[in-house]
Amino acid sequence: MKPKSFEIEVFTISQAAKKLGYKSTKTIYRLLKREVLEDYLYLEKSGRVFLMFEPPNLPTLADKIKANIQFRRKNIIKRCK
């Protein structure tokens, strides 16, 4: 029986912020500091931090951020969908 390959698409924090539509990384860093996005982190041995947009068996990163930020009319995540 062959082992199954497991591929994950990961992005740096600045790439993730741009992909989600943010102008800066401040919101993502704030959620990382509060340890809200711990399940979405991928750490390299060199110490670089990456974020997974669609980790297995978890809601997407955009849904997790949307659930943990305060509702405002101009929120980027609200306009994505």
Protein backbone atom coordinates (compact mmCIF):
# COMPACT_ATOMS: atom_id res chain seq x y z
CA MET A 1 0.00 0.00 0.00
CA LYS A 2 1.43 3.35 -1.04
CA PRO A 3 1.54 6.20 1.47
CA LYS A 4 -0.70 9.10 0.51
CA SER A 5 0.95 12.33 -0.44
CA PHE A 6 -0.15 15.41 1.45
CA GLU A 7 0.28 18.80 -0.18
CA ILE A 8 -0.49 22.04 1.61
CA GLU A 9 -0.58 25.47 0.03
CA VAL A 10 0.96 27.96 2.43
CA PHE A 11 1.64 31.70 2.25
CA THR A 12 3.76 34.14 4.21
CA ILE A 13 1.88 36.53 6.43
CA SER A 14 2.26 39.42 4.00
CA GLN A 15 1.15 37.26 1.05
CA ALA A 16 -1.86 36.05 3.05
CA ALA A 17 -2.83 39.63 3.93
CA LYS A 18 -2.68 40.67 0.27
CA LYS A 19 -4.64 37.62 -0.84
CA LEU A 20 -7.36 38.37 1.73
CA GLY A 21 -7.51 42.01 0.58
CA TYR A 22 -5.86 43.77 3.52
CA LYS A 23 -3.56 46.74 2.97
CA SER A 24 -1.37 45.81 5.95
CA THR A 25 -0.59 42.76 8.06
CA LYS A 26 -1.72 44.35 11.31
CA THR A 27 -4.97 42.36 11.68
CA ILE A 28 -3.26 39.03 11.06
CA TYR A 29 -0.44 39.79 13.49
CA ARG A 30 -3.00 40.88 16.10
CA LEU A 31 -4.85 37.55 15.76
CA LEU A 32 -1.55 35.64 15.90
CA LYS A 33 -0.62 37.44 19.11
CA ARG A 34 -3.96 36.42 20.65
CA GLU A 35 -3.22 32.82 19.47
CA VAL A 36 -6.44 32.64 17.46
CA LEU A 37 -4.74 31.37 14.30
CA GLU A 38 -2.50 28.71 15.89
CA ASP A 39 -4.16 25.89 13.91
CA TYR A 40 -3.39 27.69 10.64
CA LEU A 41 0.35 28.11 11.21
CA TYR A 42 3.07 26.19 9.46
CA LEU A 43 6.58 26.71 10.84
CA GLU A 44 9.72 25.93 8.89
CA LYS A 45 12.85 24.68 10.61
CA SER A 46 14.51 27.98 9.75
CA GLY A 47 11.88 29.83 11.79
CA ARG A 48 9.80 31.27 8.95
CA VAL A 49 6.08 31.44 9.65
CA PHE A 50 3.50 30.52 7.01
CA LEU A 51 -0.31 30.45 7.04
CA MET A 52 -2.53 27.76 5.52
CA PHE A 53 -5.69 29.02 3.83
CA GLU A 54 -7.51 25.68 3.86
CA PRO A 55 -6.15 23.35 6.55
CA PRO A 56 -7.68 19.87 6.68
CA ASN A 57 -10.77 19.46 8.89
CA LEU A 58 -10.94 23.17 9.82
CA PRO A 59 -12.83 26.18 8.47
CA THR A 60 -10.96 28.37 5.99
CA LEU A 61 -8.65 31.12 7.18
CA ALA A 62 -11.02 33.83 5.92
CA ASP A 63 -13.92 32.30 7.91
CA LYS A 64 -11.79 32.09 11.06
CA ILE A 65 -10.71 35.73 10.75
CA LYS A 66 -14.29 36.82 10.05
CA ALA A 67 -15.47 35.07 13.22
CA ASN A 68 -12.81 36.79 15.35
CA ILE A 69 -12.89 40.41 14.20
CA GLN A 70 -15.35 43.11 15.08
CA PHE A 71 -18.04 43.79 12.50
CA ARG A 72 -17.56 47.04 10.62
CA ARG A 73 -19.04 48.31 7.40
CA LYS A 74 -15.70 48.53 5.64
CA ASN A 75 -14.28 45.11 6.62
CA ILE A 76 -12.48 43.50 3.72
CA ILE A 77 -13.55 39.93 4.55
CA LYS A 78 -17.24 40.89 4.39
CA ARG A 79 -16.85 42.14 0.82
CA CYS A 80 -14.98 39.05 -0.43
CA LYS A 81 -18.07 36.86 -0.59
